[in-house]
Amino acid sequence: MKNSKRFLLLIFILVFQYAPQADAQETRMLRGKVIDAETGEAVPYAAAEIISKHLGAAANAEGLLQFEISESMMGETVTFSALAYYSRQLSVKELVEKQPFKVELERRTYSLPEFTIVGNSKGKVQLGNFIQDYHKTAMLTTAGMIAAVFMDNSDACDGTIKSISYYIVKRNRRVKSHSRTPFRVRVFAVDSLTGEPGEDLLTEELVVRANGPGWFTVDVSKYNIKVPNRGYFAAMEWVYSKKKYYYQASGLDPQRYYGQQLGIIVGDFTQNSWKKYLAYEWEFLNEENPPIIKGKFTNVLINSEIECFK
């Protein structure tokens, strides 16, 4: 019983708290689509964010999205963004006047450094987090959220990223999550100023679905991603797919929590895990949380394998 209470309290500590909703009597729903400016095709899994209000919405695979605003937000600006596209800002007022709106995004051209693999493989190395003897639990998740783990390449492996693995937690009677929810694989460089996730290293759309709970490995070798000397971040993004993937957690809003639960570990290790929610900045997964895990931290169960050539 004591352990159950500790588990539930830890879950509540890790839950993201949305900004208070606007008065229902003064709200309206904005609906629209995000498309490619050149082709007119849908931009999948785009994001719409009102940063000043910490309000965001995730588009589905067809680029469709909707979000609720209050009349007091008419002077605010909405930022639209998507993987491999330049972001664009439009006023709420302009979107209201063009219901249902269409937002065109221009595709971004990446200039990634070229490199040549010399010689035979020197071996494969695993980076990131593993279960080991740590206490294992799970985090509650929301659509549009990203969880990232820093992969330390301090040994200066010169090679490529071969795979990324995620530990998906089995649903239980308290939290009825969906282990087979589609999610997007993300790989980020380290931002030179903040040390947080920065530019995308995986610039192509890679949406996958786990077979069920447990470790799920995604082969990314075909993308030929060079391992940066400073390390990199391997991440999971909870892209919005279908309503059926919202889940229930005891005593919490079933329309808030989405997708599969990603495993986390609790211990006295170095903190290497970050999180980001729509319309919020990157931050560490959590701060020190007494009295449940006094003096300890939580890290996300994501790891990756790299192949070194010299």
C-alpha atoms as a PDB file:
ATOM      1  CA  MET A   1       0.000   0.000   0.000  1.00  0.00           C
ATOM      2  CA  LYS A   2       2.846   2.339   0.894  1.00  0.00           C
ATOM      3  CA  ASN A   3       4.567   1.688  -2.447  1.00  0.00           C
ATOM      4  CA  SER A   4       1.303   2.342  -4.324  1.00  0.00           C
ATOM      5  CA  LYS A   5       0.960   5.740  -2.674  1.00  0.00           C
ATOM      6  CA  ARG A   6       4.577   6.568  -3.503  1.00  0.00           C
ATOM      7  CA  PHE A   7       3.995   5.591  -7.140  1.00  0.00           C
ATOM      8  CA  LEU A   8       0.859   7.718  -7.478  1.00  0.00           C
ATOM      9  CA  LEU A   9       2.492  10.739  -5.872  1.00  0.00           C
ATOM     10  CA  LEU A  10       5.472  10.441  -8.192  1.00  0.00           C
ATOM     11  CA  ILE A  11       3.100  10.293 -11.160  1.00  0.00           C
ATOM     12  CA  PHE A  12       1.403  13.487 -10.024  1.00  0.00           C
ATOM     13  CA  ILE A  13       4.768  15.236  -9.665  1.00  0.00           C
ATOM     14  CA  LEU A  14       5.626  14.363 -13.268  1.00  0.00           C
ATOM     15  CA  VAL A  15       2.287  15.449 -14.737  1.00  0.00           C
ATOM     16  CA  PHE A  16       2.409  18.549 -16.913  1.00  0.00           C
ATOM     17  CA  GLN A  17      -0.042  21.172 -15.731  1.00  0.00           C
ATOM     18  CA  TYR A  18      -1.660  23.106 -18.560  1.00  0.00           C
ATOM     19  CA  ALA A  19      -2.326  26.802 -18.209  1.00  0.00           C
ATOM     20  CA  PRO A  20      -5.817  27.559 -16.906  1.00  0.00           C
ATOM     21  CA  GLN A  21      -8.474  27.434 -19.605  1.00  0.00           C
ATOM     22  CA  ALA A  22     -10.239  30.590 -20.641  1.00  0.00           C
ATOM     23  CA  ASP A  23     -13.786  31.307 -19.544  1.00  0.00           C
ATOM     24  CA  ALA A  24     -16.070  28.946 -21.486  1.00  0.00           C
ATOM     25  CA  GLN A  25     -18.524  31.792 -22.114  1.00  0.00           C
ATOM     26  CA  GLU A  26     -15.902  33.766 -24.042  1.00  0.00           C
ATOM     27  CA  THR A  27     -14.288  31.090 -26.188  1.00  0.00           C
ATOM     28  CA  ARG A  28     -14.392  30.058 -29.801  1.00  0.00           C
ATOM     29  CA  MET A  29     -12.865  27.134 -31.690  1.00  0.00           C
ATOM     30  CA  LEU A  30     -10.342  27.778 -34.457  1.00  0.00           C
ATOM     31  CA  ARG A  31     -10.046  25.073 -37.116  1.00  0.00           C
ATOM     32  CA  GLY A  32      -7.671  24.844 -40.036  1.00  0.00           C
ATOM     33  CA  LYS A  33      -5.003  23.037 -41.994  1.00  0.00           C
ATOM     34  CA  VAL A  34      -1.255  23.377 -42.418  1.00  0.00           C
ATOM     35  CA  ILE A  35       0.023  22.817 -45.956  1.00  0.00           C
ATOM     36  CA  ASP A  36       3.256  22.878 -47.945  1.00  0.00           C
ATOM     37  CA  ALA A  37       3.611  26.288 -49.641  1.00  0.00           C
ATOM     38  CA  GLU A  38       4.990  24.763 -52.844  1.00  0.00           C
ATOM     39  CA  THR A  39       2.980  21.568 -53.307  1.00  0.00           C
ATOM     40  CA  GLY A  40      -0.200  22.364 -51.410  1.00  0.00           C
ATOM     41  CA  GLU A  41       0.023  18.990 -49.681  1.00  0.00           C
ATOM     42  CA  ALA A  42      -0.705  18.563 -45.999  1.00  0.00           C
ATOM     43  CA  VAL A  43       2.134  19.038 -43.529  1.00  0.00           C
ATOM     44  CA  PRO A  44       1.738  16.205 -41.011  1.00  0.00           C
ATOM     45  CA  TYR A  45       1.985  16.683 -37.254  1.00  0.00           C
ATOM     46  CA  ALA A  46       2.528  20.441 -37.363  1.00  0.00           C
ATOM     47  CA  ALA A  47       2.229  22.487 -34.176  1.00  0.00           C
ATOM     48  CA  ALA A  48       0.323  25.694 -33.453  1.00  0.00           C
ATOM     49  CA  GLU A  49       1.434  27.603 -30.366  1.00  0.00           C
ATOM     50  CA  ILE A  50       0.500  30.813 -28.598  1.00  0.00           C
ATOM     51  CA  ILE A  51       3.694  31.097 -26.580  1.00  0.00           C
ATOM     52  CA  SER A  52       2.573  34.030 -24.433  1.00  0.00           C
ATOM     53  CA  LYS A  53      -0.438  32.041 -23.189  1.00  0.00           C
ATOM     54  CA  HIS A  54       1.217  28.597 -23.034  1.00  0.00           C
ATOM     55  CA  LEU A  55      -1.489  27.335 -25.360  1.00  0.00           C
ATOM     56  CA  GLY A  56      -0.791  24.828 -28.112  1.00  0.00           C
ATOM     57  CA  ALA A  57      -2.370  22.299 -30.462  1.00  0.00           C
ATOM     58  CA  ALA A  58      -0.964  19.403 -32.494  1.00  0.00           C
ATOM     59  CA  ALA A  59      -2.084  18.652 -36.048  1.00  0.00           C
ATOM     60  CA  ASN A  60      -2.777  15.116 -37.237  1.00  0.00           C
ATOM     61  CA  ALA A  61      -1.229  13.277 -40.199  1.00  0.00           C
ATOM     62  CA  GLU A  62      -3.502  15.253 -42.570  1.00  0.00           C
ATOM     63  CA  GLY A  63      -2.299  18.589 -41.204  1.00  0.00           C
ATOM     64  CA  LEU A  64      -5.666  19.312 -39.563  1.00  0.00           C
ATOM     65  CA  LEU A  65      -5.803  20.971 -36.185  1.00  0.00           C
ATOM     66  CA  GLN A  66      -8.117  22.903 -33.927  1.00  0.00           C
ATOM     67  CA  PHE A  67      -7.737  24.865 -30.722  1.00  0.00           C
ATOM     68  CA  GLU A  68      -9.889  26.961 -28.457  1.00  0.00           C
ATOM     69  CA  ILE A  69      -9.196  30.634 -27.805  1.00  0.00           C
ATOM     70  CA  SER A  70     -10.854  33.352 -25.775  1.00  0.00           C
ATOM     71  CA  GLU A  71     -11.915  36.765 -27.076  1.00  0.00           C
ATOM     72  CA  SER A  72      -9.114  38.283 -25.002  1.00  0.00           C
ATOM     73  CA  MET A  73      -6.559  36.504 -27.250  1.00  0.00           C
ATOM     74  CA  MET A  74      -7.505  38.362 -30.441  1.00  0.00           C
ATOM     75  CA  GLY A  75      -4.315  40.411 -30.238  1.00  0.00           C
ATOM     76  CA  GLU A  76      -2.054  37.392 -29.755  1.00  0.00           C
ATOM     77  CA  THR A  77       0.196  35.680 -32.313  1.00  0.00           C
ATOM     78  CA  VAL A  78       0.125  32.001 -33.274  1.00  0.00           C
ATOM     79  CA  THR A  79       3.393  30.316 -34.270  1.00  0.00           C
ATOM     80  CA  PHE A  80       3.069  27.416 -36.713  1.00  0.00           C
ATOM     81  CA  SER A  81       5.993  24.989 -36.980  1.00  0.00           C
ATOM     82  CA  ALA A  82       6.789  21.564 -38.381  1.00  0.00           C
ATOM     83  CA  LEU A  83       9.760  19.291 -38.902  1.00  0.00           C
ATOM     84  CA  ALA A  84      11.797  20.342 -41.979  1.00  0.00           C
ATOM     85  CA  TYR A  85       9.838  23.603 -42.427  1.00  0.00           C
ATOM     86  CA  TYR A  86      10.409  27.224 -41.494  1.00  0.00           C
ATOM     87  CA  SER A  87       8.057  28.443 -38.778  1.00  0.00           C
ATOM     88  CA  ARG A  88       5.479  31.127 -39.520  1.00  0.00           C
ATOM     89  CA  GLN A  89       3.583  33.558 -37.308  1.00  0.00           C
ATOM     90  CA  LEU A  90       0.030  34.757 -37.878  1.00  0.00           C
ATOM     91  CA  SER A  91      -2.294  36.824 -35.709  1.00  0.00           C
ATOM     92  CA  VAL A  92      -5.272  35.202 -34.025  1.00  0.00           C
ATOM     93  CA  LYS A  93      -7.470  37.872 -35.596  1.00  0.00           C
ATOM     94  CA  GLU A  94      -6.328  36.890 -39.099  1.00  0.00           C
ATOM     95  CA  LEU A  95      -7.042  33.217 -38.440  1.00  0.00           C
ATOM     96  CA  VAL A  96     -10.507  34.029 -37.094  1.00  0.00           C
ATOM     97  CA  GLU A  97     -11.324  35.966 -40.246  1.00  0.00           C
ATOM     98  CA  LYS A  98     -10.299  33.066 -42.516  1.00  0.00           C
ATOM     99  CA  GLN A  99     -12.180  30.177 -40.935  1.00  0.00           C
ATOM    100  CA  PRO A 100     -11.385  27.436 -41.683  1.00  0.00           C
ATOM    101  CA  PHE A 101      -7.867  28.766 -42.170  1.00  0.00           C
ATOM    102  CA  LYS A 102      -5.037  27.408 -44.295  1.00  0.00           C
ATOM    103  CA  VAL A 103      -1.463  28.083 -43.281  1.00  0.00           C
ATOM    104  CA  GLU A 104       1.337  27.630 -45.824  1.00  0.00           C
ATOM    105  CA  LEU A 105       4.796  26.679 -44.574  1.00  0.00           C
ATOM    106  CA  GLU A 106       7.949  26.836 -46.659  1.00  0.00           C
ATOM    107  CA  ARG A 107      10.163  23.758 -46.708  1.00  0.00           C
ATOM    108  CA  ARG A 108      13.549  24.234 -45.094  1.00  0.00           C
ATOM    109  CA  THR A 109      16.799  23.267 -46.797  1.00  0.00           C
ATOM    110  CA  TYR A 110      19.332  21.680 -44.459  1.00  0.00           C
ATOM    111  CA  SER A 111      23.061  21.958 -45.026  1.00  0.00           C
ATOM    112  CA  LEU A 112      24.394  19.049 -43.040  1.00  0.00           C
ATOM    113  CA  PRO A 113      28.152  18.489 -43.013  1.00  0.00           C
ATOM    114  CA  GLU A 114      29.417  15.790 -45.326  1.00  0.00           C
ATOM    115  CA  PHE A 115      31.654  13.072 -43.941  1.00  0.00           C
ATOM    116  CA  THR A 116      33.381  10.000 -45.246  1.00  0.00           C
ATOM    117  CA  ILE A 117      33.540   6.686 -43.421  1.00  0.00           C
ATOM    118  CA  VAL A 118      37.120   5.451 -43.441  1.00  0.00           C
ATOM    119  CA  GLY A 119      38.099   1.890 -42.597  1.00  0.00           C
ATOM    120  CA  ASN A 120      36.202  -0.912 -40.962  1.00  0.00           C
ATOM    121  CA  SER A 121      33.907  -0.685 -37.978  1.00  0.00           C
ATOM    122  CA  LYS A 122      35.691  -0.454 -34.635  1.00  0.00           C
ATOM    123  CA  GLY A 123      32.627  -1.691 -32.797  1.00  0.00           C
ATOM    124  CA  LYS A 124      29.224  -0.602 -31.550  1.00  0.00           C
ATOM    125  CA  VAL A 125      28.586   1.439 -28.423  1.00  0.00           C
ATOM    126  CA  GLN A 126      25.343   1.882 -26.468  1.00  0.00           C
ATOM    127  CA  LEU A 127      24.541   5.276 -24.981  1.00  0.00           C
ATOM    128  CA  GLY A 128      21.675   6.546 -22.841  1.00  0.00           C
ATOM    129  CA  ASN A 129      19.603   5.046 -20.050  1.00  0.00           C
ATOM    130  CA  PHE A 130      18.947   1.457 -19.022  1.00  0.00           C
ATOM    131  CA  ILE A 131      16.840  -0.163 -16.306  1.00  0.00           C
ATOM    132  CA  GLN A 132      19.664  -1.838 -14.340  1.00  0.00           C
ATOM    133  CA  ASP A 133      18.861  -1.833 -10.604  1.00  0.00           C
ATOM    134  CA  TYR A 134      17.024   1.489 -10.555  1.00  0.00           C
ATOM    135  CA  HIS A 135      13.432   1.938  -9.460  1.00  0.00           C
ATOM    136  CA  LYS A 136      11.308   1.938 -12.613  1.00  0.00           C
ATOM    137  CA  THR A 137       8.033   3.800 -13.102  1.00  0.00           C
ATOM    138  CA  ALA A 138       6.308   5.805 -15.863  1.00  0.00           C
ATOM    139  CA  MET A 139       5.361   9.320 -16.902  1.00  0.00           C
ATOM    140  CA  LEU A 140       1.981  10.669 -17.960  1.00  0.00           C
ATOM    141  CA  THR A 141       2.106  12.047 -21.490  1.00  0.00           C
ATOM    142  CA  THR A 142       0.242  14.516 -23.697  1.00  0.00           C
ATOM    143  CA  ALA A 143      -0.141  15.072 -27.446  1.00  0.00           C
ATOM    144  CA  GLY A 144       2.648  17.252 -28.819  1.00  0.00           C
ATOM    145  CA  MET A 145       4.994  16.486 -25.949  1.00  0.00           C
ATOM    146  CA  ILE A 146       8.652  15.557 -26.547  1.00  0.00           C
ATOM    147  CA  ALA A 147      10.945  13.639 -24.183  1.00  0.00           C
ATOM    148  CA  ALA A 148      14.670  13.669 -24.987  1.00  0.00           C
ATOM    149  CA  VAL A 149      17.772  11.998 -23.536  1.00  0.00           C
ATOM    150  CA  PHE A 150      21.301  13.326 -23.967  1.00  0.00           C
ATOM    151  CA  MET A 151      23.639  10.778 -25.539  1.00  0.00           C
ATOM    152  CA  ASP A 152      27.118  11.535 -24.217  1.00  0.00           C
ATOM    153  CA  ASN A 153      29.829  11.049 -26.845  1.00  0.00           C
ATOM    154  CA  SER A 154      32.700  12.135 -24.610  1.00  0.00           C
ATOM    155  CA  ASP A 155      34.798   9.255 -25.958  1.00  0.00           C
ATOM    156  CA  ALA A 156      34.625  11.030 -29.336  1.00  0.00           C
ATOM    157  CA  CYS A 157      33.361   8.128 -31.409  1.00  0.00           C
ATOM    158  CA  ASP A 158      33.547   9.038 -35.093  1.00  0.00           C
ATOM    159  CA  GLY A 159      30.677   7.133 -36.634  1.00  0.00           C
ATOM    160  CA  THR A 160      26.931   6.968 -37.215  1.00  0.00           C
ATOM    161  CA  ILE A 161      23.774   6.392 -35.178  1.00  0.00           C
ATOM    162  CA  LYS A 162      22.463   2.879 -35.823  1.00  0.00           C
ATOM    163  CA  SER A 163      19.320   2.635 -33.699  1.00  0.00           C
ATOM    164  CA  ILE A 164      17.242   4.219 -30.932  1.00  0.00           C
ATOM    165  CA  SER A 165      15.341   2.220 -28.296  1.00  0.00           C
ATOM    166  CA  TYR A 166      12.389   3.219 -26.119  1.00  0.00           C
ATOM    167  CA  TYR A 167      10.964   1.449 -23.069  1.00  0.00           C
ATOM    168  CA  ILE A 168       7.154   1.394 -23.323  1.00  0.00           C
ATOM    169  CA  VAL A 169       5.335   0.716 -20.042  1.00  0.00           C
ATOM    170  CA  LYS A 170       2.501  -1.809 -19.810  1.00  0.00           C
ATOM    171  CA  ARG A 171      -0.903  -0.333 -18.985  1.00  0.00           C
ATOM    172  CA  ASN A 172      -2.455  -1.112 -15.610  1.00  0.00           C
ATOM    173  CA  ARG A 173      -5.742  -0.602 -13.815  1.00  0.00           C
ATOM    174  CA  ARG A 174      -4.759   2.903 -12.692  1.00  0.00           C
ATOM    175  CA  VAL A 175      -3.350   4.163 -16.007  1.00  0.00           C
ATOM    176  CA  LYS A 176      -4.925   2.794 -19.185  1.00  0.00           C
ATOM    177  CA  SER A 177      -2.421   4.040 -21.740  1.00  0.00           C
ATOM    178  CA  HIS A 178      -2.025   2.697 -25.292  1.00  0.00           C
ATOM    179  CA  SER A 179       1.350   1.083 -25.973  1.00  0.00           C
ATOM    180  CA  ARG A 180       0.788   0.889 -29.752  1.00  0.00           C
ATOM    181  CA  THR A 181       0.185   4.600 -30.301  1.00  0.00           C
ATOM    182  CA  PRO A 182       2.204   5.973 -33.274  1.00  0.00           C
ATOM    183  CA  PHE A 183       5.010   8.347 -32.288  1.00  0.00           C
ATOM    184  CA  ARG A 184       7.717  10.291 -34.072  1.00  0.00           C
ATOM    185  CA  VAL A 185      11.429   9.599 -33.689  1.00  0.00           C
ATOM    186  CA  ARG A 186      13.483  12.779 -33.231  1.00  0.00           C
ATOM    187  CA  VAL A 187      17.245  13.307 -33.090  1.00  0.00           C
ATOM    188  CA  PHE A 188      18.614  16.706 -32.044  1.00  0.00           C
ATOM    189  CA  ALA A 189      22.011  18.342 -31.951  1.00  0.00           C
ATOM    190  CA  VAL A 190      23.107  20.010 -28.707  1.00  0.00           C
ATOM    191  CA  ASP A 191      22.409  23.735 -28.618  1.00  0.00           C
ATOM    192  CA  SER A 192      25.800  25.401 -28.147  1.00  0.00           C
ATOM    193  CA  LEU A 193      24.413  28.139 -25.893  1.00  0.00           C
ATOM    194  CA  THR A 194      21.932  26.330 -23.634  1.00  0.00           C
ATOM    195  CA  GLY A 195      22.996  22.680 -23.761  1.00  0.00           C
ATOM    196  CA  GLU A 196      19.398  21.699 -24.501  1.00  0.00           C
ATOM    197  CA  PRO A 197      18.051  20.022 -27.680  1.00  0.00           C
ATOM    198  CA  GLY A 198      18.706  22.207 -30.716  1.00  0.00           C
ATOM    199  CA  GLU A 199      18.698  21.626 -34.490  1.00  0.00           C
ATOM    200  CA  ASP A 200      17.187  18.451 -35.969  1.00  0.00           C
ATOM    201  CA  LEU A 201      19.756  15.882 -37.107  1.00  0.00           C
ATOM    202  CA  LEU A 202      17.036  13.550 -38.384  1.00  0.00           C
ATOM    203  CA  THR A 203      15.315  15.841 -40.870  1.00  0.00           C
ATOM    204  CA  GLU A 204      12.954  13.266 -42.384  1.00  0.00           C
ATOM    205  CA  GLU A 205       9.571  12.142 -41.109  1.00  0.00           C
ATOM    206  CA  LEU A 206       9.919   8.909 -39.115  1.00  0.00           C
ATOM    207  CA  VAL A 207       6.684   7.846 -37.412  1.00  0.00           C
ATOM    208  CA  VAL A 208       6.641   4.352 -35.916  1.00  0.00           C
ATOM    209  CA  ARG A 209       4.449   2.132 -33.763  1.00  0.00           C
ATOM    210  CA  ALA A 210       5.661  -0.270 -31.055  1.00  0.00           C
ATOM    211  CA  ASN A 211       4.447  -3.865 -31.038  1.00  0.00           C
ATOM    212  CA  GLY A 212       3.466  -3.549 -27.402  1.00  0.00           C
ATOM    213  CA  PRO A 213       5.045  -2.825 -24.003  1.00  0.00           C
ATOM    214  CA  GLY A 214       8.754  -3.383 -23.365  1.00  0.00           C
ATOM    215  CA  TRP A 215      11.832  -2.263 -25.263  1.00  0.00           C
ATOM    216  CA  PHE A 216      11.150  -1.125 -28.833  1.00  0.00           C
ATOM    217  CA  THR A 217      14.090  -0.482 -31.150  1.00  0.00           C
ATOM    218  CA  VAL A 218      13.969   1.702 -34.266  1.00  0.00           C
ATOM    219  CA  ASP A 219      16.633   1.219 -36.954  1.00  0.00           C
ATOM    220  CA  VAL A 220      17.848   4.634 -38.161  1.00  0.00           C
ATOM    221  CA  SER A 221      20.997   3.443 -39.935  1.00  0.00           C
ATOM    222  CA  LYS A 222      19.680   4.319 -43.402  1.00  0.00           C
ATOM    223  CA  TYR A 223      19.592   8.027 -42.474  1.00  0.00           C
ATOM    224  CA  ASN A 224      23.380   8.050 -42.058  1.00  0.00           C
ATOM    225  CA  ILE A 225      23.318  10.433 -39.082  1.00  0.00           C
ATOM    226  CA  LYS A 226      26.850  11.350 -38.044  1.00  0.00           C
ATOM    227  CA  VAL A 227      27.549  11.196 -34.312  1.00  0.00           C
ATOM    228  CA  PRO A 228      28.460  14.738 -33.186  1.00  0.00           C
ATOM    229  CA  ASN A 229      31.556  15.050 -30.995  1.00  0.00           C
ATOM    230  CA  ARG A 230      29.475  16.956 -28.439  1.00  0.00           C
ATOM    231  CA  GLY A 231      26.866  14.220 -28.282  1.00  0.00           C
ATOM    232  CA  TYR A 232      23.216  14.418 -29.313  1.00  0.00           C
ATOM    233  CA  PHE A 233      19.667  13.951 -28.061  1.00  0.00           C
ATOM    234  CA  ALA A 234      17.479  10.961 -28.953  1.00  0.00           C
ATOM    235  CA  ALA A 235      13.807  11.739 -28.422  1.00  0.00           C
ATOM    236  CA  MET A 236      10.208  10.604 -28.664  1.00  0.00           C
ATOM    237  CA  GLU A 237       7.471  12.966 -29.835  1.00  0.00           C
ATOM    238  CA  TRP A 238       3.826  12.191 -29.085  1.00  0.00           C
ATOM    239  CA  VAL A 239       2.309  13.222 -32.417  1.00  0.00           C
ATOM    240  CA  TYR A 240      -1.484  13.371 -32.554  1.00  0.00           C
ATOM    241  CA  SER A 241      -3.061  10.485 -34.458  1.00  0.00           C
ATOM    242  CA  LYS A 242      -6.552   9.518 -33.297  1.00  0.00           C
ATOM    243  CA  LYS A 243      -8.906  10.298 -30.443  1.00  0.00           C
ATOM    244  CA  LYS A 244      -8.895   6.676 -29.357  1.00  0.00           C
ATOM    245  CA  TYR A 245      -5.342   7.081 -28.052  1.00  0.00           C
ATOM    246  CA  TYR A 246      -6.352   9.398 -25.227  1.00  0.00           C
ATOM    247  CA  TYR A 247      -6.244   7.421 -22.000  1.00  0.00           C
ATOM    248  CA  GLN A 248      -7.595   7.388 -18.487  1.00  0.00           C
ATOM    249  CA  ALA A 249      -5.535   7.785 -15.344  1.00  0.00           C
ATOM    250  CA  SER A 250      -7.127   7.434 -11.932  1.00  0.00           C
ATOM    251  CA  GLY A 251      -8.695  10.715 -10.844  1.00  0.00           C
ATOM    252  CA  LEU A 252      -7.394  12.684 -13.848  1.00  0.00           C
ATOM    253  CA  ASP A 253      -8.952  14.170 -17.000  1.00  0.00           C
ATOM    254  CA  PRO A 254      -9.176  11.409 -19.682  1.00  0.00           C
ATOM    255  CA  GLN A 255      -9.127  14.033 -22.469  1.00  0.00           C
ATOM    256  CA  ARG A 256      -5.716  15.377 -21.437  1.00  0.00           C
ATOM    257  CA  TYR A 257      -3.373  12.392 -21.446  1.00  0.00           C
ATOM    258  CA  TYR A 258      -2.395  10.815 -24.725  1.00  0.00           C
ATOM    259  CA  GLY A 259      -0.488   7.883 -26.175  1.00  0.00           C
ATOM    260  CA  GLN A 260       1.833   5.424 -24.489  1.00  0.00           C
ATOM    261  CA  GLN A 261       3.613   5.820 -21.192  1.00  0.00           C
ATOM    262  CA  LEU A 262       7.369   6.038 -21.542  1.00  0.00           C
ATOM    263  CA  GLY A 263       9.407   4.399 -18.818  1.00  0.00           C
ATOM    264  CA  ILE A 264      11.499   6.405 -16.373  1.00  0.00           C
ATOM    265  CA  ILE A 265      14.018   5.435 -13.722  1.00  0.00           C
ATOM    266  CA  VAL A 266      14.722   7.027 -10.355  1.00  0.00           C
ATOM    267  CA  GLY A 267      18.252   7.182  -8.978  1.00  0.00           C
ATOM    268  CA  ASP A 268      21.271   9.213  -7.899  1.00  0.00           C
ATOM    269  CA  PHE A 269      22.684   9.404 -11.429  1.00  0.00           C
ATOM    270  CA  THR A 270      23.483  12.463 -13.515  1.00  0.00           C
ATOM    271  CA  GLN A 271      20.338  14.045 -14.913  1.00  0.00           C
ATOM    272  CA  ASN A 272      20.273  13.717 -18.708  1.00  0.00           C
ATOM    273  CA  SER A 273      16.578  13.856 -19.652  1.00  0.00           C
ATOM    274  CA  TRP A 274      14.616  16.823 -20.972  1.00  0.00           C
ATOM    275  CA  LYS A 275      10.967  17.465 -21.778  1.00  0.00           C
ATOM    276  CA  LYS A 276       9.042  19.957 -23.857  1.00  0.00           C
ATOM    277  CA  TYR A 277       5.323  20.688 -24.139  1.00  0.00           C
ATOM    278  CA  LEU A 278       3.549  22.711 -26.787  1.00  0.00           C
ATOM    279  CA  ALA A 279       4.034  26.458 -26.204  1.00  0.00           C
ATOM    280  CA  TYR A 280       6.668  25.841 -23.492  1.00  0.00           C
ATOM    281  CA  GLU A 281      10.466  25.854 -23.503  1.00  0.00           C
ATOM    282  CA  TRP A 282      12.723  22.848 -22.996  1.00  0.00           C
ATOM    283  CA  GLU A 283      13.388  21.939 -19.365  1.00  0.00           C
ATOM    284  CA  PHE A 284      14.852  19.073 -17.365  1.00  0.00           C
ATOM    285  CA  LEU A 285      12.431  16.217 -16.819  1.00  0.00           C
ATOM    286  CA  ASN A 286      12.069  17.243 -13.182  1.00  0.00           C
ATOM    287  CA  GLU A 287      13.927  18.863 -10.354  1.00  0.00           C
ATOM    288  CA  GLU A 288      14.882  17.116  -7.163  1.00  0.00           C
ATOM    289  CA  ASN A 289      11.644  15.908  -5.589  1.00  0.00           C
ATOM    290  CA  PRO A 290      11.720  15.412  -1.790  1.00  0.00           C
ATOM    291  CA  PRO A 291      10.543  13.559   0.155  1.00  0.00           C
ATOM    292  CA  ILE A 292       9.701  10.694  -2.272  1.00  0.00           C
ATOM    293  CA  ILE A 293      13.012  10.622  -4.084  1.00  0.00           C
ATOM    294  CA  LYS A 294      15.064  12.960  -1.932  1.00  0.00           C
ATOM    295  CA  GLY A 295      18.533  13.443  -3.370  1.00  0.00           C
ATOM    296  CA  LYS A 296      17.622  11.574  -6.556  1.00  0.00           C
ATOM    297  CA  PHE A 297      16.469  12.384 -10.071  1.00  0.00           C
ATOM    298  CA  THR A 298      14.401  10.830 -12.805  1.00  0.00           C
ATOM    299  CA  ASN A 299      15.676   9.966 -16.274  1.00  0.00           C
ATOM    300  CA  VAL A 300      13.787   8.707 -19.327  1.00  0.00           C
ATOM    301  CA  LEU A 301      14.343   5.169 -20.589  1.00  0.00           C
ATOM    302  CA  ILE A 302      15.655   5.963 -24.056  1.00  0.00           C
ATOM    303  CA  ASN A 303      18.994   4.695 -25.354  1.00  0.00           C
ATOM    304  CA  SER A 304      20.755   4.441 -28.686  1.00  0.00           C
ATOM    305  CA  GLU A 305      23.456   2.434 -30.414  1.00  0.00           C
ATOM    306  CA  ILE A 306      26.239   3.983 -32.466  1.00  0.00           C
ATOM    307  CA  GLU A 307      28.830   2.388 -34.718  1.00  0.00           C
ATOM    308  CA  CYS A 308      32.348   3.760 -34.468  1.00  0.00           C
ATOM    309  CA  PHE A 309      34.837   3.716 -37.331  1.00  0.00           C
ATOM    310  CA  LYS A 310      37.791   5.374 -35.646  1.00  0.00           C
END
